[in-house]
Amino acid sequence: MQETHGGLRERQRAETLQRIHDAAIDLVRDEGFTAATVANIADRAGVSRRTFFNYFPTKEDAVLGAGPATVPFEALDGLLDGPDQLKKATLVVHAVASSVRHVRTDEPVRRALVKSIPELRARGGQHHIASQELLAEALSERFDADDAARATALVMVASAVLRYAYTLDPDIVDDPDSPALTAAVELFRTTLKDLT
C-alpha cells in the first residue's frame, strides 16, 4: 500500500525531530552542555540551523525532546460527571503533561541529564507552567464560571496525584496505565474522603 503524501511528510518530520534530539543528547553526553550549541547539534543531526529552529526553539528543548503542550479537548467531556472524576482529571493532566514530550527517549538518561544540568530543569519547569496555564485556559473556555472553578480545583488535585505517582514510578510519563497511577488515585481518593 502506498503511503500518502501527508503520511510521508509526517513520518519524515518525526524522523528529523528524533535525529535532532538524538544528536543533542549525544553531544551533551559526549562534550557537555556548553559544547552542545545549536550549530553543533544541527551539524551532528545533518540539518541546517534553520531546520533546527523549525523543530525546536532552544537547545534545551532539543535535549529534552520537548515542545508546546496540547490539551486533548475530547478528554474534557464528562470531566465533572460520574463517580470517577479524580481518575478522569488525573488522566487529563497526564495527557497534557505527556504532550510536552515530542520525542520519546531513554527516560533514565533524560532524567540524569535534567538532574545534573540546571538549564534543563529550568526549561522543564517552564514547560510545566505553560502546560498548566494552557489547561486552565481550556477549562475556562469549556465550562461556565462555576463549573470551571470546580474543574480547576479538580485538576489541581489531579496534578498532585500525578506528582505523587511519579515518585512511585518515574516512567509514568509514558504509561497512563501504570499501576502507580491507579495506586496514587486510590490513595488520594481515600485521603480526601477521610478529610470530610
N, C-alpha and C. Protein backbone atom coordinates (compact mmCIF):
# COMPACT_ATOMS: atom_id res chain seq x y z
N MET A 1 0.84 -1.17 0.00
CA MET A 1 0.00 0.00 0.00
C MET A 1 0.89 1.25 0.00
N GLN A 2 0.52 2.21 -0.82
CA GLN A 2 1.34 3.42 -0.96
C GLN A 2 1.04 4.39 0.18
N GLU A 3 2.10 5.00 0.70
CA GLU A 3 1.97 5.96 1.79
C GLU A 3 1.47 7.29 1.22
N THR A 4 0.51 7.90 1.89
CA THR A 4 0.00 9.19 1.44
C THR A 4 1.07 10.26 1.61
N HIS A 5 0.92 11.34 0.83
CA HIS A 5 1.88 12.44 0.90
C HIS A 5 1.94 13.01 2.32
N GLY A 6 0.77 13.21 2.94
CA GLY A 6 0.71 13.71 4.31
C GLY A 6 1.35 12.74 5.28
N GLY A 7 1.13 11.45 5.09
CA GLY A 7 1.72 10.43 5.96
C GLY A 7 3.22 10.38 5.83
N LEU A 8 3.71 10.52 4.59
CA LEU A 8 5.16 10.54 4.35
C LEU A 8 5.79 11.77 4.99
N ARG A 9 5.14 12.91 4.82
CA ARG A 9 5.66 14.15 5.40
C ARG A 9 5.71 14.05 6.92
N GLU A 10 4.67 13.48 7.53
CA GLU A 10 4.64 13.34 8.99
C GLU A 10 5.72 12.38 9.47
N ARG A 11 5.94 11.30 8.74
CA ARG A 11 6.99 10.35 9.11
C ARG A 11 8.37 10.99 8.99
N GLN A 12 8.60 11.77 7.92
CA GLN A 12 9.88 12.46 7.75
C GLN A 12 10.09 13.49 8.86
N ARG A 13 9.01 14.17 9.22
CA ARG A 13 9.09 15.16 10.31
C ARG A 13 9.49 14.46 11.61
N ALA A 14 8.84 13.34 11.91
CA ALA A 14 9.14 12.60 13.14
C ALA A 14 10.59 12.11 13.14
N GLU A 15 11.07 11.65 11.98
CA GLU A 15 12.45 11.17 11.89
C GLU A 15 13.44 12.31 12.11
N THR A 16 13.18 13.49 11.54
CA THR A 16 14.06 14.63 11.73
C THR A 16 14.05 15.09 13.18
N LEU A 17 12.87 15.14 13.77
CA LEU A 17 12.74 15.51 15.18
C LEU A 17 13.58 14.59 16.05
N GLN A 18 13.48 13.29 15.79
CA GLN A 18 14.23 12.30 16.56
C GLN A 18 15.74 12.45 16.33
N ARG A 19 16.12 12.69 15.08
CA ARG A 19 17.54 12.82 14.75
C ARG A 19 18.16 14.03 15.47
N ILE A 20 17.44 15.14 15.50
CA ILE A 20 17.95 16.33 16.19
C ILE A 20 18.04 16.06 17.69
N HIS A 21 17.02 15.44 18.24
CA HIS A 21 17.03 15.12 19.68
C HIS A 21 18.19 14.18 20.01
N ASP A 22 18.36 13.13 19.23
CA ASP A 22 19.45 12.18 19.48
C ASP A 22 20.81 12.87 19.40
N ALA A 23 20.98 13.76 18.42
CA ALA A 23 22.24 14.50 18.29
C ALA A 23 22.47 15.37 19.52
N ALA A 24 21.42 16.02 20.01
CA ALA A 24 21.55 16.88 21.19
C ALA A 24 21.95 16.06 22.41
N ILE A 25 21.29 14.94 22.62
CA ILE A 25 21.61 14.07 23.76
C ILE A 25 23.05 13.59 23.66
N ASP A 26 23.44 13.12 22.48
CA ASP A 26 24.80 12.60 22.29
C ASP A 26 25.85 13.68 22.55
N LEU A 27 25.61 14.88 22.04
CA LEU A 27 26.58 15.96 22.25
C LEU A 27 26.71 16.32 23.72
N VAL A 28 25.59 16.40 24.42
CA VAL A 28 25.65 16.74 25.84
C VAL A 28 26.39 15.65 26.60
N ARG A 29 26.12 14.41 26.29
CA ARG A 29 26.79 13.31 26.99
C ARG A 29 28.27 13.24 26.63
N ASP A 30 28.61 13.50 25.36
CA ASP A 30 30.00 13.37 24.92
C ASP A 30 30.86 14.59 25.26
N GLU A 31 30.29 15.80 25.13
CA GLU A 31 31.12 17.00 25.21
C GLU A 31 30.63 18.01 26.25
N GLY A 32 29.48 17.75 26.87
CA GLY A 32 28.97 18.67 27.88
C GLY A 32 27.93 19.62 27.32
N PHE A 33 27.16 20.18 28.22
CA PHE A 33 26.04 21.03 27.83
C PHE A 33 26.49 22.29 27.10
N THR A 34 27.57 22.89 27.54
CA THR A 34 28.05 24.14 26.92
C THR A 34 28.48 23.91 25.47
N ALA A 35 29.12 22.79 25.21
CA ALA A 35 29.59 22.49 23.86
C ALA A 35 28.45 22.12 22.91
N ALA A 36 27.30 21.77 23.47
CA ALA A 36 26.16 21.38 22.64
C ALA A 36 25.41 22.62 22.18
N THR A 37 26.06 23.38 21.29
CA THR A 37 25.42 24.58 20.74
C THR A 37 24.41 24.16 19.67
N VAL A 38 23.56 25.09 19.31
CA VAL A 38 22.59 24.82 18.24
C VAL A 38 23.33 24.43 16.97
N ALA A 39 24.40 25.16 16.64
CA ALA A 39 25.16 24.85 15.43
C ALA A 39 25.74 23.44 15.48
N ASN A 40 26.31 23.06 16.63
CA ASN A 40 26.90 21.73 16.75
C ASN A 40 25.83 20.63 16.70
N ILE A 41 24.70 20.88 17.33
CA ILE A 41 23.60 19.90 17.29
C ILE A 41 23.11 19.74 15.86
N ALA A 42 22.90 20.86 15.17
CA ALA A 42 22.43 20.81 13.78
C ALA A 42 23.42 20.07 12.90
N ASP A 43 24.71 20.35 13.07
CA ASP A 43 25.74 19.66 12.27
C ASP A 43 25.69 18.15 12.53
N ARG A 44 25.63 17.78 13.79
CA ARG A 44 25.63 16.35 14.11
C ARG A 44 24.38 15.66 13.57
N ALA A 45 23.25 16.39 13.57
CA ALA A 45 21.99 15.81 13.07
C ALA A 45 21.90 15.86 11.55
N GLY A 46 22.81 16.60 10.91
CA GLY A 46 22.79 16.70 9.45
C GLY A 46 21.68 17.60 8.94
N VAL A 47 21.39 18.65 9.70
CA VAL A 47 20.36 19.61 9.28
C VAL A 47 20.93 21.02 9.39
N SER A 48 20.25 21.96 8.77
CA SER A 48 20.67 23.36 8.89
C SER A 48 20.19 23.93 10.22
N ARG A 49 20.77 25.06 10.61
CA ARG A 49 20.30 25.73 11.83
C ARG A 49 18.84 26.15 11.66
N ARG A 50 18.51 26.58 10.46
CA ARG A 50 17.11 26.97 10.20
C ARG A 50 16.17 25.78 10.43
N THR A 51 16.56 24.62 9.95
CA THR A 51 15.74 23.42 10.16
C THR A 51 15.66 23.11 11.65
N PHE A 52 16.79 23.24 12.35
CA PHE A 52 16.77 23.02 13.80
C PHE A 52 15.66 23.85 14.44
N PHE A 53 15.63 25.14 14.12
CA PHE A 53 14.66 26.04 14.75
C PHE A 53 13.23 25.79 14.27
N ASN A 54 13.06 25.10 13.17
CA ASN A 54 11.71 24.68 12.76
C ASN A 54 11.18 23.57 13.67
N TYR A 55 12.09 22.88 14.35
CA TYR A 55 11.70 21.76 15.19
C TYR A 55 11.77 22.08 16.68
N PHE A 56 12.78 22.82 17.08
CA PHE A 56 12.97 23.15 18.50
C PHE A 56 13.36 24.62 18.64
N PRO A 57 12.72 25.35 19.56
CA PRO A 57 13.08 26.76 19.73
C PRO A 57 14.39 26.98 20.49
N THR A 58 14.82 25.99 21.26
CA THR A 58 16.04 26.13 22.06
C THR A 58 16.81 24.82 22.07
N LYS A 59 18.09 24.91 22.42
CA LYS A 59 18.87 23.68 22.55
C LYS A 59 18.36 22.85 23.73
N GLU A 60 17.86 23.52 24.78
CA GLU A 60 17.30 22.79 25.93
C GLU A 60 16.13 21.93 25.48
N ASP A 61 15.28 22.49 24.62
CA ASP A 61 14.14 21.71 24.12
C ASP A 61 14.62 20.52 23.28
N ALA A 62 15.68 20.72 22.50
CA ALA A 62 16.21 19.62 21.70
C ALA A 62 16.70 18.49 22.61
N VAL A 63 17.38 18.84 23.69
CA VAL A 63 17.87 17.81 24.62
C VAL A 63 16.69 17.13 25.31
N LEU A 64 15.71 17.91 25.72
CA LEU A 64 14.54 17.35 26.41
C LEU A 64 13.59 16.63 25.45
N GLY A 65 13.69 16.93 24.17
CA GLY A 65 12.72 16.39 23.21
C GLY A 65 11.35 17.01 23.43
N ALA A 66 11.34 18.29 23.83
CA ALA A 66 10.11 18.93 24.29
C ALA A 66 9.65 20.03 23.35
N GLY A 67 8.37 20.31 23.47
CA GLY A 67 7.75 21.40 22.71
C GLY A 67 6.45 21.80 23.38
N PRO A 68 5.67 22.62 22.71
CA PRO A 68 4.43 23.10 23.31
C PRO A 68 3.47 21.96 23.65
N ALA A 69 2.77 22.15 24.77
CA ALA A 69 1.77 21.17 25.21
C ALA A 69 0.51 21.30 24.37
N THR A 70 -0.28 20.25 24.39
CA THR A 70 -1.61 20.27 23.78
C THR A 70 -2.61 19.73 24.80
N VAL A 71 -3.86 20.14 24.63
CA VAL A 71 -4.93 19.66 25.51
C VAL A 71 -5.85 18.76 24.69
N PRO A 72 -6.07 17.53 25.14
CA PRO A 72 -7.00 16.64 24.43
C PRO A 72 -8.44 17.05 24.79
N PHE A 73 -9.00 17.98 24.00
CA PHE A 73 -10.29 18.58 24.36
C PHE A 73 -11.39 17.53 24.54
N GLU A 74 -11.32 16.44 23.80
CA GLU A 74 -12.33 15.40 23.96
C GLU A 74 -12.29 14.78 25.36
N ALA A 75 -11.12 14.82 26.00
CA ALA A 75 -10.99 14.26 27.35
C ALA A 75 -11.66 15.14 28.40
N LEU A 76 -11.94 16.39 28.04
CA LEU A 76 -12.62 17.28 28.98
C LEU A 76 -14.12 17.00 29.05
N ASP A 77 -14.65 16.34 28.01
CA ASP A 77 -16.07 15.97 28.03
C ASP A 77 -16.32 15.01 29.19
N GLY A 78 -17.29 15.31 30.00
CA GLY A 78 -17.64 14.43 31.11
C GLY A 78 -16.69 14.49 32.28
N LEU A 79 -15.78 15.46 32.28
CA LEU A 79 -14.80 15.56 33.36
C LEU A 79 -15.47 15.71 34.71
N LEU A 80 -16.55 16.45 34.76
CA LEU A 80 -17.24 16.72 36.03
C LEU A 80 -18.43 15.80 36.26
N ASP A 81 -18.57 14.77 35.43
CA ASP A 81 -19.69 13.84 35.54
C ASP A 81 -19.22 12.48 36.03
N GLY A 82 -20.08 11.79 36.71
CA GLY A 82 -19.81 10.41 37.08
C GLY A 82 -18.99 10.25 38.34
N PRO A 83 -18.80 9.01 38.72
CA PRO A 83 -18.18 8.72 40.00
C PRO A 83 -16.65 8.79 40.01
N ASP A 84 -16.02 8.77 38.85
CA ASP A 84 -14.56 8.66 38.82
C ASP A 84 -13.89 9.92 38.30
N GLN A 85 -14.32 11.07 38.81
CA GLN A 85 -13.82 12.35 38.33
C GLN A 85 -12.33 12.54 38.61
N LEU A 86 -11.87 12.06 39.75
CA LEU A 86 -10.45 12.23 40.08
C LEU A 86 -9.57 11.48 39.09
N LYS A 87 -9.96 10.26 38.75
CA LYS A 87 -9.16 9.50 37.78
C LYS A 87 -9.21 10.16 36.40
N LYS A 88 -10.39 10.62 35.98
CA LYS A 88 -10.50 11.31 34.69
C LYS A 88 -9.60 12.54 34.67
N ALA A 89 -9.66 13.33 35.74
CA ALA A 89 -8.84 14.54 35.80
C ALA A 89 -7.36 14.21 35.79
N THR A 90 -6.98 13.16 36.49
CA THR A 90 -5.57 12.75 36.53
C THR A 90 -5.11 12.33 35.13
N LEU A 91 -5.96 11.63 34.40
CA LEU A 91 -5.60 11.23 33.04
C LEU A 91 -5.50 12.44 32.11
N VAL A 92 -6.35 13.45 32.32
CA VAL A 92 -6.25 14.68 31.53
C VAL A 92 -4.92 15.37 31.82
N VAL A 93 -4.59 15.53 33.10
CA VAL A 93 -3.33 16.18 33.48
C VAL A 93 -2.15 15.38 32.91
N HIS A 94 -2.23 14.06 32.98
CA HIS A 94 -1.18 13.21 32.43
C HIS A 94 -1.03 13.43 30.93
N ALA A 95 -2.16 13.49 30.22
CA ALA A 95 -2.11 13.67 28.76
C ALA A 95 -1.48 15.00 28.40
N VAL A 96 -1.85 16.06 29.12
CA VAL A 96 -1.27 17.38 28.83
C VAL A 96 0.22 17.40 29.16
N ALA A 97 0.58 16.86 30.32
CA ALA A 97 2.00 16.82 30.71
C ALA A 97 2.81 15.98 29.73
N SER A 98 2.28 14.86 29.30
CA SER A 98 2.99 13.98 28.36
C SER A 98 3.12 14.61 26.98
N SER A 99 2.16 15.46 26.61
CA SER A 99 2.19 16.04 25.27
C SER A 99 3.37 16.99 25.07
N VAL A 100 3.98 17.44 26.16
CA VAL A 100 5.17 18.30 26.07
C VAL A 100 6.33 17.52 25.46
N ARG A 101 6.35 16.23 25.71
CA ARG A 101 7.44 15.39 25.19
C ARG A 101 7.13 15.01 23.75
N HIS A 102 7.78 15.67 22.81
CA HIS A 102 7.53 15.44 21.40
C HIS A 102 8.35 14.28 20.84
N VAL A 103 9.34 13.85 21.61
CA VAL A 103 10.21 12.76 21.19
C VAL A 103 10.33 11.81 22.36
N ARG A 104 10.21 10.54 22.12
CA ARG A 104 10.43 9.56 23.18
C ARG A 104 11.92 9.26 23.24
N THR A 105 12.42 9.16 24.44
CA THR A 105 13.85 8.97 24.61
C THR A 105 14.09 7.96 25.72
N ASP A 106 15.34 7.69 25.94
CA ASP A 106 15.74 6.83 27.05
C ASP A 106 15.50 7.62 28.33
N GLU A 107 14.41 7.32 29.02
CA GLU A 107 13.98 8.12 30.17
C GLU A 107 15.03 8.20 31.28
N PRO A 108 15.71 7.13 31.65
CA PRO A 108 16.75 7.28 32.69
C PRO A 108 17.87 8.24 32.27
N VAL A 109 18.23 8.24 31.00
CA VAL A 109 19.26 9.16 30.51
C VAL A 109 18.76 10.59 30.60
N ARG A 110 17.53 10.82 30.14
CA ARG A 110 16.95 12.16 30.19
C ARG A 110 16.86 12.66 31.64
N ARG A 111 16.39 11.81 32.54
CA ARG A 111 16.27 12.19 33.96
C ARG A 111 17.63 12.55 34.54
N ALA A 112 18.66 11.77 34.21
CA ALA A 112 20.01 12.05 34.72
C ALA A 112 20.51 13.39 34.22
N LEU A 113 20.28 13.69 32.95
CA LEU A 113 20.71 14.97 32.40
C LEU A 113 19.95 16.13 33.06
N VAL A 114 18.65 15.97 33.23
CA VAL A 114 17.85 17.02 33.86
C VAL A 114 18.33 17.25 35.30
N LYS A 115 18.64 16.17 35.98
CA LYS A 115 19.09 16.28 37.38
C LYS A 115 20.43 17.02 37.46
N SER A 116 21.29 16.83 36.48
CA SER A 116 22.65 17.39 36.57
C SER A 116 22.83 18.74 35.86
N ILE A 117 21.84 19.17 35.07
CA ILE A 117 22.00 20.41 34.30
C ILE A 117 20.88 21.38 34.68
N PRO A 118 21.21 22.43 35.41
CA PRO A 118 20.18 23.37 35.87
C PRO A 118 19.35 23.99 34.74
N GLU A 119 19.97 24.24 33.60
CA GLU A 119 19.23 24.84 32.47
C GLU A 119 18.12 23.92 31.99
N LEU A 120 18.34 22.63 32.04
CA LEU A 120 17.30 21.68 31.62
C LEU A 120 16.17 21.63 32.64
N ARG A 121 16.53 21.67 33.93
CA ARG A 121 15.49 21.72 34.97
C ARG A 121 14.64 22.97 34.82
N ALA A 122 15.30 24.10 34.58
CA ALA A 122 14.57 25.36 34.43
C ALA A 122 13.64 25.31 33.21
N ARG A 123 14.13 24.79 32.10
CA ARG A 123 13.30 24.72 30.89
C ARG A 123 12.15 23.75 31.09
N GLY A 124 12.40 22.64 31.75
CA GLY A 124 11.32 21.71 32.07
C GLY A 124 10.25 22.37 32.92
N GLY A 125 10.69 23.18 33.89
CA GLY A 125 9.75 23.91 34.72
C GLY A 125 8.92 24.90 33.92
N GLN A 126 9.55 25.55 32.94
CA GLN A 126 8.81 26.47 32.07
C GLN A 126 7.74 25.74 31.28
N HIS A 127 8.08 24.57 30.78
CA HIS A 127 7.09 23.77 30.04
C HIS A 127 5.95 23.35 30.97
N HIS A 128 6.29 22.99 32.19
CA HIS A 128 5.27 22.57 33.15
C HIS A 128 4.29 23.71 33.43
N ILE A 129 4.81 24.90 33.67
CA ILE A 129 3.94 26.05 33.93
C ILE A 129 3.09 26.37 32.71
N ALA A 130 3.69 26.34 31.53
CA ALA A 130 2.94 26.63 30.30
C ALA A 130 1.83 25.61 30.08
N SER A 131 2.09 24.34 30.38
CA SER A 131 1.06 23.32 30.19
C SER A 131 -0.08 23.51 31.19
N GLN A 132 0.24 23.90 32.43
CA GLN A 132 -0.80 24.17 33.42
C GLN A 132 -1.67 25.36 32.99
N GLU A 133 -1.03 26.40 32.49
CA GLU A 133 -1.77 27.58 32.03
C GLU A 133 -2.65 27.24 30.84
N LEU A 134 -2.15 26.43 29.93
CA LEU A 134 -2.93 26.00 28.77
C LEU A 134 -4.15 25.21 29.20
N LEU A 135 -3.98 24.32 30.15
CA LEU A 135 -5.10 23.52 30.65
C LEU A 135 -6.11 24.40 31.37
N ALA A 136 -5.64 25.34 32.18
CA ALA A 136 -6.56 26.26 32.88
C ALA A 136 -7.37 27.07 31.88
N GLU A 137 -6.73 27.52 30.82
CA GLU A 137 -7.43 28.28 29.78
C GLU A 137 -8.47 27.41 29.09
N ALA A 138 -8.12 26.16 28.81
CA ALA A 138 -9.07 25.25 28.18
C ALA A 138 -10.29 25.00 29.07
N LEU A 139 -10.05 24.86 30.37
CA LEU A 139 -11.17 24.64 31.30
C LEU A 139 -12.08 25.86 31.34
N SER A 140 -11.50 27.06 31.34
CA SER A 140 -12.34 28.26 31.40
C SER A 140 -13.12 28.46 30.11
N GLU A 141 -12.58 27.98 29.00
CA GLU A 141 -13.31 28.06 27.73
C GLU A 141 -14.40 27.00 27.63
N ARG A 142 -14.16 25.85 28.22
CA ARG A 142 -15.08 24.72 28.07
C ARG A 142 -16.27 24.81 29.01
N PHE A 143 -16.06 25.34 30.23
CA PHE A 143 -17.09 25.31 31.26
C PHE A 143 -17.55 26.72 31.63
N ASP A 144 -18.77 26.81 32.17
CA ASP A 144 -19.22 28.10 32.71
C ASP A 144 -18.41 28.39 33.98
N ALA A 145 -18.57 29.57 34.54
CA ALA A 145 -17.71 30.03 35.64
C ALA A 145 -17.71 29.07 36.83
N ASP A 146 -18.90 28.62 37.28
CA ASP A 146 -18.96 27.73 38.44
C ASP A 146 -18.29 26.39 38.15
N ASP A 147 -18.63 25.81 37.01
CA ASP A 147 -18.03 24.52 36.66
C ASP A 147 -16.53 24.65 36.37
N ALA A 148 -16.13 25.78 35.81
CA ALA A 148 -14.69 26.00 35.55
C ALA A 148 -13.92 26.04 36.86
N ALA A 149 -14.50 26.65 37.88
CA ALA A 149 -13.85 26.69 39.20
C ALA A 149 -13.73 25.28 39.77
N ARG A 150 -14.80 24.49 39.67
CA ARG A 150 -14.75 23.09 40.14
C ARG A 150 -13.72 22.30 39.36
N ALA A 151 -13.73 22.45 38.05
CA ALA A 151 -12.80 21.70 37.19
C ALA A 151 -11.36 22.09 37.49
N THR A 152 -11.12 23.36 37.72
CA THR A 152 -9.77 23.82 38.04
C THR A 152 -9.30 23.23 39.36
N ALA A 153 -10.17 23.24 40.37
CA ALA A 153 -9.80 22.64 41.66
C ALA A 153 -9.53 21.15 41.50
N LEU A 154 -10.36 20.47 40.72
CA LEU A 154 -10.17 19.03 40.48
C LEU A 154 -8.84 18.77 39.78
N VAL A 155 -8.52 19.58 38.80
CA VAL A 155 -7.26 19.41 38.06
C VAL A 155 -6.06 19.69 38.96
N MET A 156 -6.20 20.63 39.88
CA MET A 156 -5.10 20.91 40.81
C MET A 156 -4.84 19.71 41.72
N VAL A 157 -5.91 19.07 42.18
CA VAL A 157 -5.74 17.85 42.98
C VAL A 157 -5.14 16.75 42.12
N ALA A 158 -5.63 16.64 40.89
CA ALA A 158 -5.12 15.62 39.97
C ALA A 158 -3.64 15.83 39.68
N SER A 159 -3.19 17.08 39.63
CA SER A 159 -1.76 17.37 39.44
C SER A 159 -0.94 16.82 40.61
N ALA A 160 -1.48 16.96 41.82
CA ALA A 160 -0.80 16.42 43.00
C ALA A 160 -0.76 14.89 42.93
N VAL A 161 -1.84 14.29 42.48
CA VAL A 161 -1.88 12.83 42.32
C VAL A 161 -0.79 12.39 41.35
N LEU A 162 -0.69 13.09 40.24
CA LEU A 162 0.31 12.72 39.23
C LEU A 162 1.73 12.90 39.76
N ARG A 163 1.98 13.98 40.48
CA ARG A 163 3.31 14.18 41.07
C ARG A 163 3.65 13.05 42.04
N TYR A 164 2.67 12.64 42.85
CA TYR A 164 2.89 11.55 43.78
C TYR A 164 3.15 10.24 43.03
N ALA A 165 2.35 9.98 41.99
CA ALA A 165 2.54 8.76 41.20
C ALA A 165 3.92 8.73 40.57
N TYR A 166 4.41 9.90 40.17
CA TYR A 166 5.76 9.98 39.58
C TYR A 166 6.83 9.57 40.58
N THR A 167 6.61 9.86 41.87
CA THR A 167 7.59 9.43 42.88
C THR A 167 7.60 7.91 43.02
N LEU A 168 6.48 7.28 42.72
CA LEU A 168 6.39 5.82 42.77
C LEU A 168 6.99 5.17 41.53
N ASP A 169 6.80 5.85 40.38
CA ASP A 169 7.24 5.29 39.10
C ASP A 169 7.57 6.42 38.14
N PRO A 170 8.84 6.81 38.04
CA PRO A 170 9.22 7.92 37.16
C PRO A 170 8.92 7.66 35.68
N ASP A 171 8.73 6.41 35.30
CA ASP A 171 8.42 6.10 33.90
C ASP A 171 6.94 6.30 33.58
N ILE A 172 6.18 6.80 34.54
CA ILE A 172 4.75 7.00 34.35
C ILE A 172 4.44 7.99 33.23
N VAL A 173 5.40 8.84 32.91
CA VAL A 173 5.21 9.84 31.85
C VAL A 173 4.77 9.17 30.56
N ASP A 174 5.30 7.99 30.28
CA ASP A 174 4.96 7.28 29.05
C ASP A 174 3.89 6.21 29.24
N ASP A 175 3.34 6.09 30.45
CA ASP A 175 2.41 4.98 30.71
C ASP A 175 1.21 5.41 31.56
N PRO A 176 0.13 5.87 30.90
CA PRO A 176 -1.04 6.28 31.67
C PRO A 176 -1.74 5.11 32.35
N ASP A 177 -1.38 3.89 31.98
CA ASP A 177 -1.98 2.71 32.60
C ASP A 177 -1.11 2.14 33.72
N SER A 178 -0.12 2.89 34.14
CA SER A 178 0.78 2.43 35.19
C SER A 178 0.03 2.11 36.47
N PRO A 179 0.35 0.99 37.11
CA PRO A 179 -0.25 0.69 38.42
C PRO A 179 0.02 1.79 39.44
N ALA A 180 1.13 2.51 39.29
CA ALA A 180 1.45 3.60 40.22
C ALA A 180 0.40 4.70 40.13
N LEU A 181 -0.09 4.96 38.93
CA LEU A 181 -1.12 5.99 38.76
C LEU A 181 -2.41 5.56 39.44
N THR A 182 -2.80 4.32 39.24
CA THR A 182 -4.01 3.79 39.88
C THR A 182 -3.88 3.83 41.40
N ALA A 183 -2.72 3.42 41.90
CA ALA A 183 -2.49 3.42 43.35
C ALA A 183 -2.54 4.84 43.90
N ALA A 184 -1.97 5.81 43.18
CA ALA A 184 -1.98 7.20 43.65
C ALA A 184 -3.39 7.76 43.67
N VAL A 185 -4.18 7.46 42.64
CA VAL A 185 -5.57 7.93 42.61
C VAL A 185 -6.33 7.38 43.81
N GLU A 186 -6.16 6.09 44.08
CA GLU A 186 -6.87 5.46 45.21
C GLU A 186 -6.44 6.05 46.54
N LEU A 187 -5.15 6.29 46.71
CA LEU A 187 -4.65 6.86 47.96
C LEU A 187 -5.23 8.26 48.18
N PHE A 188 -5.21 9.08 47.14
CA PHE A 188 -5.76 10.43 47.28
C PHE A 188 -7.26 10.40 47.50
N ARG A 189 -7.96 9.51 46.80
CA ARG A 189 -9.40 9.40 46.99
C ARG A 189 -9.72 9.06 48.45
N THR A 190 -9.03 8.09 49.01
CA THR A 190 -9.22 7.67 50.39
C THR A 190 -8.88 8.82 51.35
N THR A 191 -7.77 9.47 51.11
CA THR A 191 -7.34 10.57 51.97
C THR A 191 -8.35 11.71 51.93
N LEU A 192 -8.86 12.05 50.76
CA LEU A 192 -9.84 13.13 50.65
C LEU A 192 -11.14 12.76 51.36
N LYS A 193 -11.54 11.49 51.27
CA LYS A 193 -12.75 11.04 51.99
C LYS A 193 -12.55 11.17 53.49
N ASP A 194 -11.36 10.81 53.96
CA ASP A 194 -11.07 10.90 55.39
C ASP A 194 -11.10 12.33 55.90
N LEU A 195 -10.86 13.29 55.01
CA LEU A 195 -10.84 14.69 55.41
C LEU A 195 -12.23 15.28 55.56
N THR A 196 -13.23 14.62 54.96
CA THR A 196 -14.59 15.17 55.02
C THR A 196 -15.39 14.64 56.19
